[in-house]
C-alpha cells in the first residue's frame, strides 16, 4: 500500500492535498521553459560574478585611501566602511575647525 500524507486511501490523482497529481506529465510549454532556465541561470550567475568583482574592486580602492596601522593590514569590508565613515567625519571636522 503506498504511503499517503493525508492518511486517505483515495484513488489516482490524490497527492495528499499538496497539488500533486498522479501520472500528470509536463506540457510542451513547461519543457521549453525548463530548457531555457539553465541559460538564464548561467547569465544571471555571470552578472552576479561581475557585480561581486566590481564591489570588491571598489573596496580595494577604498582601502588604499584609509590610513591604517600597520599600513599593510588588510581591512575587512565592515572595517573598511566603518573606518571610511570615521575618516570622512574627521576630515570634515578638520575643515570646519582648521
PDB file of N, CA and C in Angstrom:
ATOM      1  N   UNK A   1       0.848  -1.182   0.000  1.00  0.00           N
ATOM      2  CA  UNK A   1       0.000   0.000   0.000  1.00  0.00           C
ATOM      3  C   UNK A   1       0.889   1.239   0.000  1.00  0.00           C
ATOM      4  N   UNK A   2       0.656   2.221  -0.880  1.00  0.00           N
ATOM      5  CA  UNK A   2       1.508   3.411  -0.954  1.00  0.00           C
ATOM      6  C   UNK A   2       1.310   4.326   0.249  1.00  0.00           C
ATOM      7  N   UNK A   3       2.348   5.043   0.582  1.00  0.00           N
ATOM      8  CA  UNK A   3       2.317   5.994   1.681  1.00  0.00           C
ATOM      9  C   UNK A   3       1.513   7.212   1.267  1.00  0.00           C
ATOM     10  N   UNK A   4       0.588   7.642   2.104  1.00  0.00           N
ATOM     11  CA  UNK A   4      -0.234   8.814   1.820  1.00  0.00           C
ATOM     12  C   UNK A   4      -0.052   9.830   2.931  1.00  0.00           C
ATOM     13  N   UNK A   5       0.250  11.077   2.539  1.00  0.00           N
ATOM     14  CA  UNK A   5       0.482  12.121   3.526  1.00  0.00           C
ATOM     15  C   UNK A   5      -0.780  12.532   4.272  1.00  0.00           C
ATOM     16  N   UNK A   6      -1.939  12.467   3.596  1.00  0.00           N
ATOM     17  CA  UNK A   6      -3.163  12.902   4.248  1.00  0.00           C
ATOM     18  C   UNK A   6      -3.908  11.758   4.928  1.00  0.00           C
ATOM     19  N   UNK A   7      -3.372  10.574   4.855  1.00  0.00           N
ATOM     20  CA  UNK A   7      -3.977   9.428   5.527  1.00  0.00           C
ATOM     21  C   UNK A   7      -5.181   8.856   4.819  1.00  0.00           C
ATOM     22  N   UNK A   8      -5.540   9.390   3.673  1.00  0.00           N
ATOM     23  CA  UNK A   8      -6.685   8.874   2.946  1.00  0.00           C
ATOM     24  C   UNK A   8      -6.233   7.789   1.985  1.00  0.00           C
ATOM     25  N   UNK A   9      -7.104   6.844   1.759  1.00  0.00           N
ATOM     26  CA  UNK A   9      -6.771   5.759   0.848  1.00  0.00           C
ATOM     27  C   UNK A   9      -7.390   5.960  -0.509  1.00  0.00           C
ATOM     28  N   UNK A  10      -7.592   7.207  -0.944  1.00  0.00           N
ATOM     29  CA  UNK A  10      -8.265   7.518  -2.211  1.00  0.00           C
ATOM     30  C   UNK A  10      -7.531   6.990  -3.417  1.00  0.00           C
ATOM     31  N   UNK A  11      -8.167   7.111  -4.570  1.00  0.00           N
ATOM     32  CA  UNK A  11      -7.623   6.584  -5.812  1.00  0.00           C
ATOM     33  C   UNK A  11      -6.636   7.518  -6.466  1.00  0.00           C
ATOM     34  N   UNK A  12      -6.351   7.241  -7.749  1.00  0.00           N
ATOM     35  CA  UNK A  12      -5.364   8.004  -8.508  1.00  0.00           C
ATOM     36  C   UNK A  12      -5.729   9.477  -8.604  1.00  0.00           C
ATOM     37  N   UNK A  13      -4.710  10.304  -8.614  1.00  0.00           N
ATOM     38  CA  UNK A  13      -4.935  11.738  -8.717  1.00  0.00           C
ATOM     39  C   UNK A  13      -4.743  12.432  -7.394  1.00  0.00           C
ATOM     40  N   UNK A  14      -4.880  11.719  -6.305  1.00  0.00           N
ATOM     41  CA  UNK A  14      -4.671  12.341  -4.993  1.00  0.00           C
ATOM     42  C   UNK A  14      -3.198  12.408  -4.701  1.00  0.00           C
ATOM     43  N   UNK A  15      -2.822  13.466  -4.024  1.00  0.00           N
ATOM     44  CA  UNK A  15      -1.422  13.608  -3.697  1.00  0.00           C
ATOM     45  C   UNK A  15      -1.247  14.124  -2.292  1.00  0.00           C
ATOM     46  N   UNK A  16      -2.234  13.888  -1.425  1.00  0.00           N
ATOM     47  CA  UNK A  16      -2.097  14.348  -0.069  1.00  0.00           C
ATOM     48  C   UNK A  16      -2.426  15.813   0.105  1.00  0.00           C
ATOM     49  N   UNK A  17      -3.120  16.418  -0.846  1.00  0.00           N
ATOM     50  CA  UNK A  17      -3.505  17.797  -0.700  1.00  0.00           C
ATOM     51  C   UNK A  17      -2.375  18.779  -1.001  1.00  0.00           C
ATOM     52  N   UNK A  18      -1.330  18.329  -1.618  1.00  0.00           N
ATOM     53  CA  UNK A  18      -0.201  19.194  -1.914  1.00  0.00           C
ATOM     54  C   UNK A  18      -0.133  19.561  -3.393  1.00  0.00           C
ATOM     55  N   UNK A  19      -1.188  19.419  -4.122  1.00  0.00           N
ATOM     56  CA  UNK A  19      -1.222  19.791  -5.519  1.00  0.00           C
ATOM     57  C   UNK A  19      -0.499  18.822  -6.445  1.00  0.00           C
ATOM     58  N   UNK A  20      -0.211  17.636  -5.988  1.00  0.00           N
ATOM     59  CA  UNK A  20       0.470  16.645  -6.815  1.00  0.00           C
ATOM     60  C   UNK A  20      -0.566  15.759  -7.485  1.00  0.00           C
ATOM     61  N   UNK A  21      -0.412  15.528  -8.744  1.00  0.00           N
ATOM     62  CA  UNK A  21      -1.350  14.687  -9.468  1.00  0.00           C
ATOM     63  C   UNK A  21      -0.608  13.479  -9.988  1.00  0.00           C
ATOM     64  N   UNK A  22      -1.161  12.320  -9.721  1.00  0.00           N
ATOM     65  CA  UNK A  22      -0.519  11.080 -10.159  1.00  0.00           C
ATOM     66  C   UNK A  22      -0.578  10.980 -11.677  1.00  0.00           C
ATOM     67  N   UNK A  23       0.532  10.699 -12.309  1.00  0.00           N
ATOM     68  CA  UNK A  23       0.573  10.455 -13.737  1.00  0.00           C
ATOM     69  C   UNK A  23       0.483  11.694 -14.609  1.00  0.00           C
ATOM     70  N   UNK A  24       0.460  12.897 -14.039  1.00  0.00           N
ATOM     71  CA  UNK A  24       0.382  14.113 -14.857  1.00  0.00           C
ATOM     72  C   UNK A  24       1.742  14.398 -15.465  1.00  0.00           C
ATOM     73  N   UNK A  25       1.756  14.641 -16.772  1.00  0.00           N
ATOM     74  CA  UNK A  25       3.006  14.912 -17.480  1.00  0.00           C
ATOM     75  C   UNK A  25       3.144  16.407 -17.703  1.00  0.00           C
ATOM     76  N   UNK A  26       4.383  16.833 -17.868  1.00  0.00           N
ATOM     77  CA  UNK A  26       4.642  18.243 -18.142  1.00  0.00           C
ATOM     78  C   UNK A  26       4.207  18.573 -19.568  1.00  0.00           C
ATOM     79  N   UNK A  27       3.664  19.749 -19.734  1.00  0.00           N
ATOM     80  CA  UNK A  27       3.258  20.158 -21.081  1.00  0.00           C
ATOM     81  C   UNK A  27       4.483  20.585 -21.870  1.00  0.00           C
ATOM     82  N   UNK A  28       4.327  20.753 -23.161  1.00  0.00           N
ATOM     83  CA  UNK A  28       5.425  21.196 -24.017  1.00  0.00           C
ATOM     84  C   UNK A  28       5.933  22.571 -23.613  1.00  0.00           C
ATOM     85  N   UNK A  29       5.039  23.443 -23.144  1.00  0.00           N
ATOM     86  CA  UNK A  29       5.430  24.785 -22.718  1.00  0.00           C
ATOM     87  C   UNK A  29       6.375  24.706 -21.521  1.00  0.00           C
ATOM     88  N   UNK A  30       6.090  23.830 -20.578  1.00  0.00           N
ATOM     89  CA  UNK A  30       6.962  23.671 -19.411  1.00  0.00           C
ATOM     90  C   UNK A  30       8.319  23.110 -19.807  1.00  0.00           C
ATOM     91  N   UNK A  31       8.341  22.196 -20.769  1.00  0.00           N
ATOM     92  CA  UNK A  31       9.611  21.635 -21.221  1.00  0.00           C
ATOM     93  C   UNK A  31      10.474  22.721 -21.854  1.00  0.00           C
ATOM     94  N   UNK A  32       9.866  23.600 -22.637  1.00  0.00           N
ATOM     95  CA  UNK A  32      10.620  24.698 -23.252  1.00  0.00           C
ATOM     96  C   UNK A  32      11.150  25.631 -22.175  1.00  0.00           C
ATOM     97  N   UNK A  33      10.354  25.890 -21.157  1.00  0.00           N
ATOM     98  CA  UNK A  33      10.782  26.761 -20.060  1.00  0.00           C
ATOM     99  C   UNK A  33      11.942  26.134 -19.303  1.00  0.00           C
ATOM    100  N   UNK A  34      11.881  24.838 -19.070  1.00  0.00           N
ATOM    101  CA  UNK A  34      12.942  24.156 -18.339  1.00  0.00           C
ATOM    102  C   UNK A  34      14.252  24.153 -19.119  1.00  0.00           C
ATOM    103  N   UNK A  35      14.171  24.048 -20.452  1.00  0.00           N
ATOM    104  CA  UNK A  35      15.398  24.047 -21.243  1.00  0.00           C
ATOM    105  C   UNK A  35      16.005  25.442 -21.312  1.00  0.00           C
ATOM    106  N   UNK A  36      15.200  26.476 -21.093  1.00  0.00           N
ATOM    107  CA  UNK A  36      15.686  27.847 -21.128  1.00  0.00           C
ATOM    108  C   UNK A  36      16.299  28.257 -19.785  1.00  0.00           C
ATOM    109  N   UNK A  37      15.874  27.666 -18.686  1.00  0.00           N
ATOM    110  CA  UNK A  37      16.326  28.074 -17.357  1.00  0.00           C
ATOM    111  C   UNK A  37      17.835  27.952 -17.148  1.00  0.00           C
ATOM    112  N   UNK A  38      18.513  26.883 -17.582  1.00  0.00           N
ATOM    113  CA  UNK A  38      19.962  26.831 -17.349  1.00  0.00           C
ATOM    114  C   UNK A  38      20.712  27.976 -18.017  1.00  0.00           C
ATOM    115  N   UNK A  39      20.284  28.389 -19.198  1.00  0.00           N
ATOM    116  CA  UNK A  39      20.928  29.510 -19.889  1.00  0.00           C
ATOM    117  C   UNK A  39      20.694  30.799 -19.105  1.00  0.00           C
ATOM    118  N   UNK A  40      19.477  31.007 -18.630  1.00  0.00           N
ATOM    119  CA  UNK A  40      19.174  32.195 -17.835  1.00  0.00           C
ATOM    120  C   UNK A  40      19.954  32.176 -16.529  1.00  0.00           C
ATOM    121  N   UNK A  41      20.055  31.023 -15.915  1.00  0.00           N
ATOM    122  CA  UNK A  41      20.800  30.895 -14.654  1.00  0.00           C
ATOM    123  C   UNK A  41      22.267  31.207 -14.892  1.00  0.00           C
ATOM    124  N   UNK A  42      22.813  30.690 -16.007  1.00  0.00           N
ATOM    125  CA  UNK A  42      24.213  30.950 -16.352  1.00  0.00           C
ATOM    126  C   UNK A  42      24.443  32.452 -16.541  1.00  0.00           C
ATOM    127  N   UNK A  43      23.531  33.114 -17.239  1.00  0.00           N
ATOM    128  CA  UNK A  43      23.638  34.552 -17.468  1.00  0.00           C
ATOM    129  C   UNK A  43      23.524  35.319 -16.164  1.00  0.00           C
ATOM    130  N   UNK A  44      22.583  34.912 -15.313  1.00  0.00           N
ATOM    131  CA  UNK A  44      22.422  35.575 -14.015  1.00  0.00           C
ATOM    132  C   UNK A  44      23.654  35.374 -13.146  1.00  0.00           C
ATOM    133  N   UNK A  45      24.229  34.180 -13.183  1.00  0.00           N
ATOM    134  CA  UNK A  45      25.451  33.911 -12.415  1.00  0.00           C
ATOM    135  C   UNK A  45      26.609  34.777 -12.909  1.00  0.00           C
ATOM    136  N   UNK A  46      26.708  34.950 -14.214  1.00  0.00           N
ATOM    137  CA  UNK A  46      27.771  35.789 -14.781  1.00  0.00           C
ATOM    138  C   UNK A  46      27.589  37.245 -14.352  1.00  0.00           C
ATOM    139  N   UNK A  47      26.344  37.725 -14.371  1.00  0.00           N
ATOM    140  CA  UNK A  47      26.081  39.097 -13.909  1.00  0.00           C
ATOM    141  C   UNK A  47      26.444  39.257 -12.440  1.00  0.00           C
ATOM    142  N   UNK A  48      26.119  38.275 -11.621  1.00  0.00           N
ATOM    143  CA  UNK A  48      26.432  38.327 -10.191  1.00  0.00           C
ATOM    144  C   UNK A  48      27.941  38.301  -9.960  1.00  0.00           C
ATOM    145  N   UNK A  49      28.672  37.494 -10.740  1.00  0.00           N
ATOM    146  CA  UNK A  49      30.146  37.492 -10.625  1.00  0.00           C
ATOM    147  C   UNK A  49      30.715  38.861 -10.967  1.00  0.00           C
ATOM    148  N   UNK A  50      30.203  39.476 -12.037  1.00  0.00           N
ATOM    149  CA  UNK A  50      30.665  40.813 -12.428  1.00  0.00           C
ATOM    150  C   UNK A  50      30.356  41.838 -11.342  1.00  0.00           C
ATOM    151  N   UNK A  51      29.161  41.756 -10.770  1.00  0.00           N
ATOM    152  CA  UNK A  51      28.776  42.686  -9.712  1.00  0.00           C
ATOM    153  C   UNK A  51      29.679  42.520  -8.495  1.00  0.00           C
ATOM    154  N   UNK A  52      29.932  41.274  -8.099  1.00  0.00           N
ATOM    155  CA  UNK A  52      30.790  40.989  -6.950  1.00  0.00           C
ATOM    156  C   UNK A  52      32.204  41.487  -7.196  1.00  0.00           C
ATOM    157  N   UNK A  53      32.730  41.247  -8.402  1.00  0.00           N
ATOM    158  CA  UNK A  53      34.066  41.745  -8.735  1.00  0.00           C
ATOM    159  C   UNK A  53      34.121  43.265  -8.679  1.00  0.00           C
ATOM    160  N   UNK A  54      33.065  43.918  -9.138  1.00  0.00           N
ATOM    161  CA  UNK A  54      33.010  45.372  -9.110  1.00  0.00           C
ATOM    162  C   UNK A  54      33.009  45.893  -7.669  1.00  0.00           C
ATOM    163  N   UNK A  55      32.227  45.274  -6.813  1.00  0.00           N
ATOM    164  CA  UNK A  55      32.183  45.672  -5.399  1.00  0.00           C
ATOM    165  C   UNK A  55      33.543  45.445  -4.749  1.00  0.00           C
ATOM    166  N   UNK A  56      34.159  44.300  -5.002  1.00  0.00           N
ATOM    167  CA  UNK A  56      35.470  44.005  -4.417  1.00  0.00           C
ATOM    168  C   UNK A  56      36.531  44.984  -4.905  1.00  0.00           C
ATOM    169  N   UNK A  57      36.477  45.361  -6.173  1.00  0.00           N
ATOM    170  CA  UNK A  57      37.417  46.350  -6.713  1.00  0.00           C
ATOM    171  C   UNK A  57      37.231  47.697  -6.015  1.00  0.00           C
ATOM    172  N   UNK A  58      35.983  48.089  -5.791  1.00  0.00           N
ATOM    173  CA  UNK A  58      35.708  49.352  -5.101  1.00  0.00           C
ATOM    174  C   UNK A  58      36.229  49.316  -3.664  1.00  0.00           C
ATOM    175  N   UNK A  59      36.057  48.190  -2.972  1.00  0.00           N
ATOM    176  CA  UNK A  59      36.584  48.072  -1.612  1.00  0.00           C
ATOM    177  C   UNK A  59      38.103  48.153  -1.610  1.00  0.00           C
ATOM    178  N   UNK A  60      38.744  47.525  -2.579  1.00  0.00           N
ATOM    179  CA  UNK A  60      40.200  47.575  -2.674  1.00  0.00           C
ATOM    180  C   UNK A  60      40.674  49.018  -2.867  1.00  0.00           C
ATOM    181  N   UNK A  61      39.998  49.761  -3.731  1.00  0.00           N
ATOM    182  CA  UNK A  61      40.350  51.164  -3.959  1.00  0.00           C
ATOM    183  C   UNK A  61      40.123  51.990  -2.696  1.00  0.00           C
ATOM    184  N   UNK A  62      39.023  51.742  -1.998  1.00  0.00           N
ATOM    185  CA  UNK A  62      38.730  52.484  -0.772  1.00  0.00           C
ATOM    186  C   UNK A  62      39.756  52.188   0.316  1.00  0.00           C
ATOM    187  N   UNK A  63      40.181  50.922   0.406  1.00  0.00           N
ATOM    188  CA  UNK A  63      41.187  50.551   1.412  1.00  0.00           C
ATOM    189  C   UNK A  63      42.482  51.328   1.245  1.00  0.00           C
ATOM    190  N   UNK A  64      42.835  51.651  -0.004  1.00  0.00           N
ATOM    191  CA  UNK A  64      44.086  52.383  -0.244  1.00  0.00           C
ATOM    192  C   UNK A  64      44.000  53.821   0.254  1.00  0.00           C
ATOM    193  N   UNK A  65      42.801  54.349   0.455  1.00  0.00           N
ATOM    194  CA  UNK A  65      42.620  55.746   0.853  1.00  0.00           C
ATOM    195  C   UNK A  65      42.486  55.932   2.361  1.00  0.00           C
ATOM    196  N   UNK A  66      42.354  54.839   3.098  1.00  0.00           N
ATOM    197  CA  UNK A  66      42.146  54.928   4.543  1.00  0.00           C
ATOM    198  C   UNK A  66      43.460  54.635   5.256  1.00  0.00           C
ATOM    199  N   UNK A  67      43.925  55.571   6.106  1.00  0.00           N
ATOM    200  CA  UNK A  67      45.163  55.310   6.850  1.00  0.00           C
ATOM    201  C   UNK A  67      44.936  54.234   7.911  1.00  0.00           C
ATOM    202  N   UNK A  68      45.818  53.251   7.942  1.00  0.00           N
ATOM    203  CA  UNK A  68      45.705  52.175   8.937  1.00  0.00           C
ATOM    204  C   UNK A  68      47.059  51.948   9.597  1.00  0.00           C
ATOM    205  N   UNK A  69      47.026  51.328  10.751  1.00  0.00           N
ATOM    206  CA  UNK A  69      48.250  50.959  11.465  1.00  0.00           C
ATOM    207  C   UNK A  69      48.166  49.487  11.793  1.00  0.00           C
ATOM    208  N   UNK A  70      48.989  48.612  11.327  1.00  0.00           N
ATOM    209  CA  UNK A  70      50.080  48.866  10.375  1.00  0.00           C
ATOM    210  C   UNK A  70      49.532  49.164   8.979  1.00  0.00           C
ATOM    211  N   UNK A  71      50.328  49.812   8.181  1.00  0.00           N
ATOM    212  CA  UNK A  71      49.896  50.312   6.872  1.00  0.00           C
ATOM    213  C   UNK A  71      49.505  49.186   5.913  1.00  0.00           C
ATOM    214  N   UNK A  72      50.104  47.995   6.054  1.00  0.00           N
ATOM    215  CA  UNK A  72      49.820  46.903   5.118  1.00  0.00           C
ATOM    216  C   UNK A  72      48.710  45.975   5.597  1.00  0.00           C
ATOM    217  N   UNK A  73      48.045  46.327   6.686  1.00  0.00           N
ATOM    218  CA  UNK A  73      46.964  45.487   7.221  1.00  0.00           C
ATOM    219  C   UNK A  73      45.761  45.558   6.286  1.00  0.00           C
ATOM    220  N   UNK A  74      45.210  44.386   5.913  1.00  0.00           N
ATOM    221  CA  UNK A  74      44.025  44.353   5.052  1.00  0.00           C
ATOM    222  C   UNK A  74      42.785  44.406   5.939  1.00  0.00           C
ATOM    223  N   UNK A  75      41.975  45.409   5.705  1.00  0.00           N
ATOM    224  CA  UNK A  75      40.753  45.592   6.478  1.00  0.00           C
ATOM    225  C   UNK A  75      39.630  44.736   5.889  1.00  0.00           C
ATOM    226  N   UNK A  76      38.745  44.272   6.770  1.00  0.00           N
ATOM    227  CA  UNK A  76      37.547  43.590   6.279  1.00  0.00           C
ATOM    228  C   UNK A  76      36.619  44.636   5.651  1.00  0.00           C
ATOM    229  N   UNK A  77      35.580  44.171   5.003  1.00  0.00           N
ATOM    230  CA  UNK A  77      34.648  45.102   4.369  1.00  0.00           C
ATOM    231  C   UNK A  77      33.973  45.988   5.401  1.00  0.00           C
ATOM    232  N   UNK A  78      33.537  45.409   6.503  1.00  0.00           N
ATOM    233  CA  UNK A  78      32.851  46.213   7.520  1.00  0.00           C
ATOM    234  C   UNK A  78      33.823  47.177   8.186  1.00  0.00           C
ATOM    235  N   UNK A  79      35.053  46.734   8.431  1.00  0.00           N
ATOM    236  CA  UNK A  79      36.071  47.634   8.990  1.00  0.00           C
ATOM    237  C   UNK A  79      36.349  48.779   8.023  1.00  0.00           C
ATOM    238  N   UNK A  80      36.419  48.466   6.745  1.00  0.00           N
ATOM    239  CA  UNK A  80      36.670  49.485   5.725  1.00  0.00           C
ATOM    240  C   UNK A  80      35.559  50.531   5.741  1.00  0.00           C
ATOM    241  N   UNK A  81      34.312  50.089   5.775  1.00  0.00           N
ATOM    242  CA  UNK A  81      33.185  51.030   5.777  1.00  0.00           C
ATOM    243  C   UNK A  81      33.163  51.872   7.044  1.00  0.00           C
ATOM    244  N   UNK A  82      33.393  51.246   8.181  1.00  0.00           N
ATOM    245  CA  UNK A  82      33.370  51.988   9.449  1.00  0.00           C
ATOM    246  C   UNK A  82      34.507  53.001   9.521  1.00  0.00           C
ATOM    247  N   UNK A  83      35.709  52.558   9.147  1.00  0.00           N
ATOM    248  CA  UNK A  83      36.846  53.480   9.184  1.00  0.00           C
ATOM    249  C   UNK A  83      36.708  54.592   8.145  1.00  0.00           C
ATOM    250  N   UNK A  84      36.166  54.284   6.978  1.00  0.00           N
ATOM    251  CA  UNK A  84      35.952  55.313   5.958  1.00  0.00           C
ATOM    252  C   UNK A  84      34.981  56.366   6.476  1.00  0.00           C
ATOM    253  N   UNK A  85      33.905  55.932   7.096  1.00  0.00           N
ATOM    254  CA  UNK A  85      32.931  56.865   7.655  1.00  0.00           C
ATOM    255  C   UNK A  85      33.569  57.730   8.735  1.00  0.00           C
ATOM    256  N   UNK A  86      34.333  57.111   9.605  1.00  0.00           N
ATOM    257  CA  UNK A  86      35.015  57.836  10.670  1.00  0.00           C
ATOM    258  C   UNK A  86      36.034  58.820  10.093  1.00  0.00           C
ATOM    259  N   UNK A  87      36.779  58.388   9.098  1.00  0.00           N
ATOM    260  CA  UNK A  87      37.798  59.232   8.488  1.00  0.00           C
ATOM    261  C   UNK A  87      37.168  60.431   7.785  1.00  0.00           C
ATOM    262  N   UNK A  88      36.057  60.212   7.115  1.00  0.00           N
ATOM    263  CA  UNK A  88      35.338  61.312   6.452  1.00  0.00           C
ATOM    264  C   UNK A  88      34.865  62.320   7.491  1.00  0.00           C
ATOM    265  N   UNK A  89      34.331  61.832   8.618  1.00  0.00           N
ATOM    266  CA  UNK A  89      33.905  62.738   9.696  1.00  0.00           C
ATOM    267  C   UNK A  89      35.090  63.538  10.229  1.00  0.00           C
ATOM    268  N   UNK A  90      36.209  62.840  10.436  1.00  0.00           N
ATOM    269  CA  UNK A  90      37.425  63.510  10.925  1.00  0.00           C
ATOM    270  C   UNK A  90      37.875  64.597   9.957  1.00  0.00           C
ATOM    271  N   UNK A  91      37.905  64.288   8.657  1.00  0.00           N
ATOM    272  CA  UNK A  91      38.314  65.281   7.664  1.00  0.00           C
ATOM    273  C   UNK A  91      37.352  66.461   7.632  1.00  0.00           C
ATOM    274  N   UNK A  92      36.065  66.179   7.783  1.00  0.00           N
ATOM    275  CA  UNK A  92      35.067  67.260   7.848  1.00  0.00           C
ATOM    276  C   UNK A  92      35.323  68.173   9.038  1.00  0.00           C
ATOM    277  N   UNK A  93      35.643  67.582  10.201  1.00  0.00           N
ATOM    278  CA  UNK A  93      35.945  68.389  11.378  1.00  0.00           C
ATOM    279  C   UNK A  93      37.210  69.203  11.180  1.00  0.00           C
ATOM    280  N   UNK A  94      38.217  68.631  10.536  1.00  0.00           N
ATOM    281  CA  UNK A  94      39.451  69.371  10.260  1.00  0.00           C
ATOM    282  C   UNK A  94      39.146  70.586   9.385  1.00  0.00           C
ATOM    283  N   UNK A  95      38.275  70.405   8.400  1.00  0.00           N
ATOM    284  CA  UNK A  95      37.921  71.534   7.534  1.00  0.00           C
ATOM    285  C   UNK A  95      37.165  72.616   8.303  1.00  0.00           C
ATOM    286  N   UNK A  96      36.267  72.207   9.171  1.00  0.00           N
ATOM    287  CA  UNK A  96      35.456  73.174   9.930  1.00  0.00           C
ATOM    288  C   UNK A  96      36.286  73.905  10.995  1.00  0.00           C
ATOM    289  N   UNK A  97      37.104  73.151  11.708  1.00  0.00           N
ATOM    290  CA  UNK A  97      37.829  73.732  12.845  1.00  0.00           C
ATOM    291  C   UNK A  97      39.225  74.218  12.481  1.00  0.00           C
ATOM    292  N   UNK A  98      39.734  73.771  11.366  1.00  0.00           N
ATOM    293  CA  UNK A  98      41.043  74.222  10.900  1.00  0.00           C
ATOM    294  C   UNK A  98      42.205  73.506  11.468  1.00  0.00           C
TER     295      UNK A  98
END
